[in-house]
Protein backbone atom coordinates (compact mmCIF):
# COMPACT_ATOMS: atom_id res chain seq x y z
CA UNK A 1 -133.05 125.60 45.40
CA UNK A 2 -130.84 124.31 42.59
CA UNK A 3 -129.18 126.71 40.14
CA UNK A 4 -131.73 126.08 37.38
CA UNK A 5 -134.63 126.89 39.70
CA UNK A 6 -132.95 130.15 40.73
CA UNK A 7 -132.23 131.03 37.08
CA UNK A 8 -135.87 130.37 36.18
CA UNK A 9 -137.00 132.80 38.87
CA UNK A 10 -138.86 130.17 40.88
CA UNK A 11 -139.84 130.97 44.45
CA UNK A 12 -138.92 129.10 47.59
CA UNK A 13 -141.85 126.94 48.71
CA UNK A 14 -140.67 125.95 52.19
CA UNK A 15 -139.70 127.84 55.30
CA UNK A 16 -137.05 126.38 57.61
CA UNK A 17 -136.43 126.94 61.30
CA UNK A 18 -134.06 124.72 63.29
CA UNK A 19 -135.40 121.19 62.60
CA UNK A 20 -138.84 122.19 61.29
CA UNK A 21 -140.22 123.03 57.85
CA UNK A 22 -143.56 124.40 56.71
CA UNK A 23 -144.96 125.61 53.42
CA UNK A 24 -144.35 129.24 52.56
CA UNK A 25 -147.97 129.41 51.43
CA UNK A 26 -149.45 128.35 54.74
CA UNK A 27 -153.03 128.52 53.47
CA UNK A 28 -152.45 125.54 51.16
CA UNK A 29 -151.89 123.02 53.98
CA UNK A 30 -153.37 124.83 56.96
CA UNK A 31 -149.93 125.82 58.20
CA UNK A 32 -148.82 122.27 59.03
CA UNK A 33 -145.31 122.01 60.48
CA UNK A 34 -143.09 118.99 59.78
CA UNK A 35 -140.41 118.06 62.32
CA UNK A 36 -137.20 116.16 61.51
CA UNK A 37 -134.05 115.15 63.37
CA UNK A 38 -132.21 117.84 61.42
CA UNK A 39 -132.99 120.23 58.58
CA UNK A 40 -130.28 121.95 56.54
CA UNK A 41 -131.07 125.33 55.04
CA UNK A 42 -130.31 125.90 51.37
CA UNK A 43 -127.28 128.02 52.35
CA UNK A 44 -125.62 125.02 54.02
CA UNK A 45 -122.65 123.38 52.32
CA UNK A 46 -121.77 119.72 51.96
CA UNK A 47 -119.17 120.29 54.68
CA UNK A 48 -121.97 121.37 57.02
CA UNK A 49 -123.88 118.18 56.29
CA UNK A 50 -120.73 116.12 56.68
CA UNK A 51 -119.72 117.57 60.03
CA UNK A 52 -123.19 117.23 61.51
CA UNK A 53 -124.39 113.88 60.16
CA UNK A 54 -121.67 111.92 58.37
CA UNK A 55 -118.44 112.41 60.34
CA UNK A 56 -119.73 110.58 63.45
CA UNK A 57 -120.57 107.59 61.23
CA UNK A 58 -117.10 107.59 59.68
CA UNK A 59 -115.54 107.83 63.15
CA UNK A 60 -117.45 104.69 64.16
CA UNK A 61 -116.52 102.95 60.91
CA UNK A 62 -112.83 103.51 61.60
CA UNK A 63 -113.29 102.07 65.08
CA UNK A 64 -114.60 98.81 63.60
CA UNK A 65 -118.34 99.39 63.30
CA UNK A 66 -120.40 99.11 60.11
CA UNK A 67 -122.11 102.26 58.88
CA UNK A 68 -124.33 103.41 56.01
CA UNK A 69 -124.59 106.80 54.32
CA UNK A 70 -127.77 106.95 52.27
CA UNK A 71 -128.89 109.63 49.82
CA UNK A 72 -132.48 109.37 48.60
CA UNK A 73 -134.80 111.71 46.76
CA UNK A 74 -136.59 112.49 43.52
CA UNK A 75 -134.83 113.54 40.31
CA UNK A 76 -132.97 116.86 40.67
CA UNK A 77 -133.40 116.95 44.45
CA UNK A 78 -129.62 117.25 44.95
CA UNK A 79 -128.41 113.69 45.54
CA UNK A 80 -125.53 113.87 43.06
CA UNK A 81 -124.35 117.23 44.37
CA UNK A 82 -124.51 115.98 47.95
CA UNK A 83 -122.49 112.86 47.17
CA UNK A 84 -120.05 114.19 44.53
CA UNK A 85 -120.11 117.97 45.02
CA UNK A 86 -117.91 120.24 42.92
CA UNK A 87 -114.54 122.02 43.13
CA UNK A 88 -115.76 124.69 45.55
CA UNK A 89 -118.04 122.45 47.62
CA UNK A 90 -116.62 118.89 47.80
CA UNK A 91 -119.20 116.15 48.17
CA UNK A 92 -119.59 113.66 51.00
CA UNK A 93 -117.70 111.04 49.03
CA UNK A 94 -114.58 113.18 48.83
CA UNK A 95 -114.88 114.23 52.47
CA UNK A 96 -115.25 110.63 53.67
CA UNK A 97 -112.17 109.60 51.68
CA UNK A 98 -110.15 112.51 53.05
CA UNK A 99 -111.00 111.62 56.63
CA UNK A 100 -110.37 107.91 56.09
CA UNK A 101 -106.88 108.25 54.64
CA UNK A 102 -105.90 110.94 57.12
CA UNK A 103 -106.86 108.52 59.89
CA UNK A 104 -104.79 105.76 58.28
CA UNK A 105 -101.77 108.07 57.99
CA UNK A 106 -102.04 109.03 61.66
CA UNK A 107 -102.24 105.46 62.99
CA UNK A 108 -98.60 104.33 62.87
CA UNK A 109 -99.24 101.34 65.16
CA UNK A 110 -101.75 99.70 62.80
CA UNK A 111 -101.72 98.24 59.32
CA UNK A 112 -104.63 98.83 56.98
CA UNK A 113 -105.99 97.33 53.78
CA UNK A 114 -108.74 99.30 52.08
CA UNK A 115 -110.88 97.97 49.25
CA UNK A 116 -113.93 99.28 47.45
CA UNK A 117 -116.73 97.86 45.32
CA UNK A 118 -119.43 99.57 43.27
CA UNK A 119 -122.67 97.91 42.18
CA UNK A 120 -125.80 99.01 40.38
CA UNK A 121 -129.34 97.74 40.98
CA UNK A 122 -131.30 98.10 37.75
CA UNK A 123 -134.62 96.38 36.94
CA UNK A 124 -134.08 94.06 39.91
CA UNK A 125 -130.71 92.94 38.55
CA UNK A 126 -127.35 93.63 40.20
CA UNK A 127 -124.45 94.68 37.99
CA UNK A 128 -120.80 95.31 38.84
CA UNK A 129 -119.82 98.86 37.89
CA UNK A 130 -116.12 98.09 38.29
CA UNK A 131 -116.24 95.12 35.92
CA UNK A 132 -118.44 95.27 32.82
CA UNK A 133 -118.20 91.51 32.35
CA UNK A 134 -119.57 90.81 35.84
CA UNK A 135 -123.31 91.31 35.45
CA UNK A 136 -126.40 89.70 36.97
CA UNK A 137 -124.79 89.12 40.36
CA UNK A 138 -126.42 86.88 42.94
CA UNK A 139 -126.80 87.87 46.59
CA UNK A 140 -125.95 85.18 49.14
CA UNK A 141 -125.94 85.12 52.92
CA UNK A 142 -123.67 83.05 55.16
CA UNK A 143 -124.61 81.38 58.44
CA UNK A 144 -123.53 84.49 60.35
CA UNK A 145 -125.90 86.73 58.41
CA UNK A 146 -123.19 88.38 56.32
CA UNK A 147 -124.31 89.38 52.83
CA UNK A 148 -122.01 88.00 50.13
CA UNK A 149 -121.77 89.41 46.63
CA UNK A 150 -119.19 88.45 44.01
CA UNK A 151 -118.45 92.01 42.95
CA UNK A 152 -114.95 93.15 42.12
CA UNK A 153 -113.16 94.72 45.08
CA UNK A 154 -110.43 97.16 44.09
CA UNK A 155 -107.58 97.81 46.51
CA UNK A 156 -107.10 101.55 47.08
CA UNK A 157 -104.35 103.33 48.98
CA UNK A 158 -105.19 107.00 48.49
CA UNK A 159 -108.09 109.37 47.91
CA UNK A 160 -107.45 109.68 44.17
CA UNK A 161 -107.80 105.95 43.60
CA UNK A 162 -111.11 105.88 45.46
CA UNK A 163 -112.43 108.72 43.31
CA UNK A 164 -111.14 107.05 40.13
CA UNK A 165 -113.16 103.92 40.91
CA UNK A 166 -116.27 105.97 41.59
CA UNK A 167 -115.90 107.90 38.32
CA UNK A 168 -115.14 104.73 36.37
CA UNK A 169 -118.35 103.15 37.60
CA UNK A 170 -120.40 106.27 36.92
CA UNK A 171 -119.45 106.10 33.24
CA UNK A 172 -121.43 102.89 32.75
CA UNK A 173 -124.43 103.64 34.96
CA UNK A 174 -127.86 103.58 33.36
CA UNK A 175 -128.95 107.15 32.73
CA UNK A 176 -131.65 108.87 30.68
CA UNK A 177 -132.89 112.38 30.09
CA UNK A 178 -135.97 113.61 31.95
CA UNK A 179 -137.80 116.91 32.00
CA UNK A 180 -136.02 117.78 35.25
CA UNK A 181 -132.55 116.41 34.56
CA UNK A 182 -130.63 115.86 31.31
CA UNK A 183 -128.68 112.98 32.85
CA UNK A 184 -130.89 111.29 35.41
CA UNK A 185 -129.91 107.91 36.83
CA UNK A 186 -132.21 105.01 36.04
CA UNK A 187 -130.78 102.83 38.79
CA UNK A 188 -129.74 102.64 42.43
CA UNK A 189 -126.08 102.20 43.31
CA UNK A 190 -124.08 101.08 46.33
CA UNK A 191 -120.44 102.07 46.75
CA UNK A 192 -118.90 100.08 49.57
CA UNK A 193 -115.60 100.66 51.35
CA UNK A 194 -114.09 97.70 53.22
CA UNK A 195 -111.58 98.54 55.94
CA UNK A 196 -109.29 95.84 57.31
CA UNK A 197 -106.99 96.68 60.21
CA UNK A 198 -104.59 94.85 62.50
CA UNK A 199 -101.94 95.66 65.07
CA UNK A 200 -98.66 96.37 63.27
CA UNK A 201 -96.71 94.76 66.12
CA UNK A 202 -98.58 91.44 66.01
CA UNK A 203 -97.71 89.35 62.97
CA UNK A 204 -100.48 86.83 63.58
CA UNK A 205 -102.89 89.14 65.39
CA UNK A 206 -106.62 89.37 64.63
CA UNK A 207 -107.86 91.29 61.60
CA UNK A 208 -110.76 93.66 62.18
CA UNK A 209 -113.11 94.33 59.26
CA UNK A 210 -115.73 97.05 58.94
CA UNK A 211 -117.95 98.18 56.07
CA UNK A 212 -119.12 101.60 54.98
C-alpha cells in the first residue's frame, strides 16, 4: 500500500504467499489464487526487487546482450517509486547506474563509451525528452532489424550525469492531475542506455554494443 492509502486507513485487499496472491475477502472471488513468477510483499524494498529481478539483466547487458526493464501499471500503482525511489530506498534507475559504473571502473582491460537517450510516446507521437526542438520523431528499421530513432544521445561518464539526464527529461514530460495522483504522467517513456566496449589493448579491435 502507498503512504496515502495507509494514511486514509484503507485495508489491504490481497494476501501474498511466495509467488501467489489471493483476495483478502475470499468470498468475493470464490477464493481464486493467482500465480506469478515472483510476487514481492509490500515490505520489500527496491533493492529486493533489483537483486531478484533486475541485476541478472544488467549482468547480461554488461556482457554484451540487450535487455529491457519494464514498469507497467495503473496510476498510483508505484511505477515512479520503483524506478526513481527516494533517499532511503533508491530506485531501480539509480541501482542500475551504480552497478554499471562500478563494473566499468573494475574493468581496467576494456574501454567503454556510455550514452543515453530519453523519449516520450504521447498521442502516438514520439518526442525527444533530451532535446525540446526534436519532436515528432520517426522510427526506422535497417536491414538487420535494428530500430533507428534520431533521438539525442548524451554521453555520460558517471552516475550523476545519468540521473541529470533523467531528471531533465522528466521536467518536460506530459503530466496532469488525476483523482489518484496530483502529477500523473500522460505518456509512456523509454530511457535507453547504450554501452560500447572494446579491448583496451587492441587499437583497431571490434566494438561491442549493447542496449538497456
